[in-house]
C-alpha atoms as a PDB file:
ATOM      1  CA  MET A   1       0.295   0.023  -0.263  1.00  0.00           C
ATOM      2  CA  LEU A   2       1.529   3.435  -1.216  1.00  0.00           C
ATOM      3  CA  PHE A   3       0.448   6.279   1.053  1.00  0.00           C
ATOM      4  CA  MET A   4       0.156  10.224   0.584  1.00  0.00           C
ATOM      5  CA  ARG A   5       3.237  11.550   1.851  1.00  0.00           C
ATOM      6  CA  ALA A   6       5.071  14.663   3.203  1.00  0.00           C
ATOM      7  CA  VAL A   7       8.350  15.520   4.010  1.00  0.00           C
ATOM      8  CA  VAL A   8       8.696  18.387   6.780  1.00  0.00           C
ATOM      9  CA  GLN A   9      11.196  20.719   7.496  1.00  0.00           C
ATOM     10  CA  ARG A  10      11.458  22.701  10.689  1.00  0.00           C
ATOM     11  CA  VAL A  11      13.285  26.006   9.599  1.00  0.00           C
ATOM     12  CA  SER A  12      14.460  29.031   9.664  1.00  0.00           C
ATOM     13  CA  GLU A  13      13.623  30.271   6.183  1.00  0.00           C
ATOM     14  CA  ALA A  14      12.840  28.733   3.248  1.00  0.00           C
ATOM     15  CA  ALA A  15      11.913  29.999  -0.239  1.00  0.00           C
ATOM     16  CA  VAL A  16      11.727  28.424  -3.640  1.00  0.00           C
ATOM     17  CA  ASP A  17      12.635  30.189  -7.412  1.00  0.00           C
ATOM     18  CA  VAL A  18      10.898  29.675 -10.545  1.00  0.00           C
ATOM     19  CA  ASP A  19      13.143  31.115 -13.359  1.00  0.00           C
ATOM     20  CA  GLY A  20      15.338  32.981 -11.142  1.00  0.00           C
ATOM     21  CA  ARG A  21      12.552  34.486  -9.338  1.00  0.00           C
ATOM     22  CA  THR A  22      11.322  33.852  -6.230  1.00  0.00           C
ATOM     23  CA  VAL A  23       7.769  32.790  -5.686  1.00  0.00           C
ATOM     24  CA  GLY A  24       6.952  31.457  -2.439  1.00  0.00           C
ATOM     25  CA  ALA A  25       9.055  32.561   0.541  1.00  0.00           C
ATOM     26  CA  VAL A  26       8.716  31.211   4.466  1.00  0.00           C
ATOM     27  CA  GLY A  27      10.499  32.838   7.825  1.00  0.00           C
ATOM     28  CA  ARG A  28       9.656  30.412  10.691  1.00  0.00           C
ATOM     29  CA  GLY A  29       7.819  27.478   9.565  1.00  0.00           C
ATOM     30  CA  PHE A  30       8.102  24.842   8.035  1.00  0.00           C
ATOM     31  CA  LEU A  31       9.118  23.944   4.093  1.00  0.00           C
ATOM     32  CA  VAL A  32       6.568  21.132   3.203  1.00  0.00           C
ATOM     33  CA  LEU A  33       7.301  18.731   0.359  1.00  0.00           C
ATOM     34  CA  VAL A  34       4.265  16.651  -0.450  1.00  0.00           C
ATOM     35  CA  GLY A  35       4.200  13.755  -2.760  1.00  0.00           C
ATOM     36  CA  ALA A  36       0.743  12.180  -3.696  1.00  0.00           C
ATOM     37  CA  THR A  37       0.246   8.667  -5.613  1.00  0.00           C
ATOM     38  CA  HIS A  38      -2.274   7.375  -7.296  1.00  0.00           C
ATOM     39  CA  SER A  39      -4.655   5.921  -4.689  1.00  0.00           C
ATOM     40  CA  ASP A  40      -4.656   9.680  -2.359  1.00  0.00           C
ATOM     41  CA  THR A  41      -7.825  11.353  -1.736  1.00  0.00           C
ATOM     42  CA  GLU A  42      -9.198  14.531  -0.509  1.00  0.00           C
ATOM     43  CA  ALA A  43      -9.789  12.968   2.510  1.00  0.00           C
ATOM     44  CA  ASP A  44      -5.555  12.159   2.660  1.00  0.00           C
ATOM     45  CA  ALA A  45      -4.800  15.220   1.841  1.00  0.00           C
ATOM     46  CA  MET A  46      -6.763  17.335   4.847  1.00  0.00           C
ATOM     47  CA  ALA A  47      -5.630  14.308   7.363  1.00  0.00           C
ATOM     48  CA  ILE A  48      -1.932  15.640   6.410  1.00  0.00           C
ATOM     49  CA  ALA A  49      -2.606  18.975   6.862  1.00  0.00           C
ATOM     50  CA  ASP A  50      -4.238  18.931  10.152  1.00  0.00           C
ATOM     51  CA  LYS A  51      -1.625  16.742  11.221  1.00  0.00           C
ATOM     52  CA  ILE A  52       1.304  18.783  10.232  1.00  0.00           C
ATOM     53  CA  ALA A  53      -0.769  22.155  11.367  1.00  0.00           C
ATOM     54  CA  GLY A  54      -0.680  20.180  15.272  1.00  0.00           C
ATOM     55  CA  LEU A  55       3.159  19.150  14.991  1.00  0.00           C
ATOM     56  CA  ARG A  56       5.033  20.194  18.393  1.00  0.00           C
ATOM     57  CA  VAL A  57       8.254  21.084  16.772  1.00  0.00           C
ATOM     58  CA  PHE A  58       9.099  24.148  18.094  1.00  0.00           C
ATOM     59  CA  THR A  59      10.851  24.694  21.245  1.00  0.00           C
ATOM     60  CA  ASP A  60       9.279  26.109  24.282  1.00  0.00           C
ATOM     61  CA  ALA A  61      10.931  27.929  27.235  1.00  0.00           C
ATOM     62  CA  ASP A  62      12.328  24.686  28.743  1.00  0.00           C
ATOM     63  CA  GLY A  63      14.014  23.852  25.231  1.00  0.00           C
ATOM     64  CA  LEU A  64      11.257  21.197  25.149  1.00  0.00           C
ATOM     65  CA  MET A  65       9.770  20.562  21.539  1.00  0.00           C
ATOM     66  CA  ASN A  66       6.104  21.837  22.545  1.00  0.00           C
ATOM     67  CA  ARG A  67       4.574  23.881  20.300  1.00  0.00           C
ATOM     68  CA  SER A  68       3.305  24.039  16.976  1.00  0.00           C
ATOM     69  CA  LEU A  69       3.167  26.654  13.903  1.00  0.00           C
ATOM     70  CA  LEU A  70       0.380  28.239  15.652  1.00  0.00           C
ATOM     71  CA  ASP A  71       1.685  28.434  18.810  1.00  0.00           C
ATOM     72  CA  VAL A  72       4.859  30.265  17.190  1.00  0.00           C
ATOM     73  CA  ASP A  73       3.418  32.552  14.595  1.00  0.00           C
ATOM     74  CA  GLY A  74       5.430  30.092  11.983  1.00  0.00           C
ATOM     75  CA  GLY A  75       4.825  29.494   8.035  1.00  0.00           C
ATOM     76  CA  CYS A  76       4.494  27.233   5.426  1.00  0.00           C
ATOM     77  CA  LEU A  77       6.065  26.943   2.139  1.00  0.00           C
ATOM     78  CA  VAL A  78       4.313  23.680   0.732  1.00  0.00           C
ATOM     79  CA  VAL A  79       6.256  22.286  -2.590  1.00  0.00           C
ATOM     80  CA  SER A  80       5.067  19.627  -4.519  1.00  0.00           C
ATOM     81  CA  GLN A  81       7.633  16.986  -4.956  1.00  0.00           C
ATOM     82  CA  PHE A  82       7.147  14.061  -6.855  1.00  0.00           C
ATOM     83  CA  THR A  83      10.061  12.225  -6.734  1.00  0.00           C
ATOM     84  CA  LEU A  84       9.263  11.462  -3.180  1.00  0.00           C
ATOM     85  CA  TYR A  85       7.734   8.419  -5.160  1.00  0.00           C
ATOM     86  CA  GLY A  86      10.618   7.562  -6.748  1.00  0.00           C
ATOM     87  CA  SER A  87      11.801   3.822  -6.604  1.00  0.00           C
ATOM     88  CA  THR A  88      15.375   2.922  -6.418  1.00  0.00           C
ATOM     89  CA  ARG A  89      14.575  -1.080  -6.355  1.00  0.00           C
ATOM     90  CA  LYS A  90      15.729  -1.977  -9.634  1.00  0.00           C
ATOM     91  CA  GLY A  91      18.787  -0.158 -11.744  1.00  0.00           C
ATOM     92  CA  ARG A  92      20.096   3.109 -11.211  1.00  0.00           C
ATOM     93  CA  ARG A  93      17.757   4.959 -13.117  1.00  0.00           C
ATOM     94  CA  PRO A  94      14.547   5.964 -10.447  1.00  0.00           C
ATOM     95  CA  SER A  95      11.169   5.201 -11.534  1.00  0.00           C
ATOM     96  CA  PHE A  96       7.964   7.050 -10.390  1.00  0.00           C
ATOM     97  CA  THR A  97       5.472   5.102 -11.667  1.00  0.00           C
ATOM     98  CA  ASP A  98       4.260   5.179  -8.099  1.00  0.00           C
ATOM     99  CA  ALA A  99       3.616   9.163  -8.391  1.00  0.00           C
ATOM    100  CA  ALA A 100       0.170  10.465  -9.462  1.00  0.00           C
ATOM    101  CA  ARG A 101      -0.467  11.990 -12.681  1.00  0.00           C
ATOM    102  CA  PRO A 102      -0.291  15.960 -12.830  1.00  0.00           C
ATOM    103  CA  GLU A 103      -4.466  15.760 -12.815  1.00  0.00           C
ATOM    104  CA  LEU A 104      -4.897  14.097  -9.455  1.00  0.00           C
ATOM    105  CA  ALA A 105      -1.463  15.479  -7.765  1.00  0.00           C
ATOM    106  CA  GLU A 106      -2.047  18.911  -8.398  1.00  0.00           C
ATOM    107  CA  PRO A 107      -5.329  19.536  -6.724  1.00  0.00           C
ATOM    108  CA  LEU A 108      -4.066  17.017  -3.935  1.00  0.00           C
ATOM    109  CA  VAL A 109      -0.885  19.296  -3.168  1.00  0.00           C
ATOM    110  CA  ASP A 110      -3.403  22.480  -3.268  1.00  0.00           C
ATOM    111  CA  MET A 111      -5.714  21.211  -1.107  1.00  0.00           C
ATOM    112  CA  VAL A 112      -2.590  20.016   1.551  1.00  0.00           C
ATOM    113  CA  ALA A 113      -1.760  24.154   1.226  1.00  0.00           C
ATOM    114  CA  ALA A 114      -4.996  25.556   1.570  1.00  0.00           C
ATOM    115  CA  ARG A 115      -6.156  22.984   4.556  1.00  0.00           C
ATOM    116  CA  LEU A 116      -2.849  24.514   5.912  1.00  0.00           C
ATOM    117  CA  GLY A 117      -4.252  28.153   5.442  1.00  0.00           C
ATOM    118  CA  SER A 118      -7.315  27.054   7.188  1.00  0.00           C
ATOM    119  CA  HIS A 119      -6.042  26.814  10.055  1.00  0.00           C
ATOM    120  CA  GLY A 120      -4.617  30.531  10.446  1.00  0.00           C
ATOM    121  CA  ILE A 121      -1.183  29.448   9.252  1.00  0.00           C
ATOM    122  CA  PRO A 122       0.174  31.599   7.020  1.00  0.00           C
ATOM    123  CA  VAL A 123       1.192  29.504   3.047  1.00  0.00           C
ATOM    124  CA  ASN A 124       3.373  29.988   0.258  1.00  0.00           C
ATOM    125  CA  THR A 125       4.014  27.269  -2.749  1.00  0.00           C
ATOM    126  CA  GLY A 126       5.940  26.523  -5.351  1.00  0.00           C
ATOM    127  CA  VAL A 127       5.037  26.270  -8.984  1.00  0.00           C
ATOM    128  CA  PHE A 128       3.556  22.743  -9.534  1.00  0.00           C
ATOM    129  CA  GLY A 129       5.263  21.315 -12.547  1.00  0.00           C
ATOM    130  CA  ALA A 130       7.886  23.920 -12.690  1.00  0.00           C
ATOM    131  CA  LEU A 131      11.856  23.320 -12.400  1.00  0.00           C
ATOM    132  CA  MET A 132      11.994  25.250  -8.617  1.00  0.00           C
ATOM    133  CA  LYS A 133      15.330  25.800  -6.915  1.00  0.00           C
ATOM    134  CA  VAL A 134      14.562  25.647  -3.042  1.00  0.00           C
ATOM    135  CA  SER A 135      17.013  27.283  -0.748  1.00  0.00           C
ATOM    136  CA  LEU A 136      16.059  26.279   3.307  1.00  0.00           C
ATOM    137  CA  VAL A 137      18.120  26.759   6.580  1.00  0.00           C
ATOM    138  CA  ASN A 138      16.628  23.797   8.542  1.00  0.00           C
ATOM    139  CA  ASP A 139      16.791  24.775  11.904  1.00  0.00           C
ATOM    140  CA  GLY A 140      17.250  21.837  14.186  1.00  0.00           C
ATOM    141  CA  PRO A 141      17.743  19.995  11.939  1.00  0.00           C
ATOM    142  CA  VAL A 142      14.284  18.572  12.499  1.00  0.00           C
ATOM    143  CA  THR A 143      12.767  16.625   9.596  1.00  0.00           C
ATOM    144  CA  LEU A 144       9.689  14.115   9.776  1.00  0.00           C
ATOM    145  CA  ILE A 145       7.363  11.701   7.625  1.00  0.00           C
ATOM    146  CA  VAL A 146       3.938  12.136   7.611  1.00  0.00           C
ATOM    147  CA  GLU A 147       2.102   9.545   5.719  1.00  0.00           C
ATOM    148  CA  THR A 148      -1.470   9.312   5.371  1.00  0.00           C
ATOM    149  CA  ALA A 149      -3.584   6.439   4.117  1.00  0.00           C
ATOM    150  CA  ASP A 150      -7.573   6.521   3.608  1.00  0.00           C
ATOM    151  CA  GLY A 151      -8.085   9.690   5.285  1.00  0.00           C
ATOM    152  CA  ARG A 152      -6.040   8.974   8.562  1.00  0.00           C
ATOM    153  CA  VAL A 153      -2.040   9.575   9.303  1.00  0.00           C
ATOM    154  CA  VAL A 154      -0.435   6.348   9.830  1.00  0.00           C
END
């Protein structure tokens, strides 16, 4: 079974450029790389966004990871990333057959961004299907993988 997948990186800043122009940026918050597969649904997009919105990975006054994006007034930079489904099981060139086709993936990535925004989180995005240059300063580093199946986080 394949799952909707997001790589979440806590950042002090991140940006995405297309054709030499910055199209999205965030200060303190998350860079969220989102990959969709063939069986993903709107419910998966909503579940993954809800989980990300509530992740408590920002430090409190005691230095413990107890605070969420909302607690720190953080933002998100959401970038589509079909290569999260690159399989290297055979040969040396990855296969991307598990990645959803653009007509399914693009609306799901947009739903993740919109749902994060519905929580009151400022959201910027990359450009779906474009050749993007993503830069970031990973804070920690903190990097998590969040996956959903059948509308629930697994």
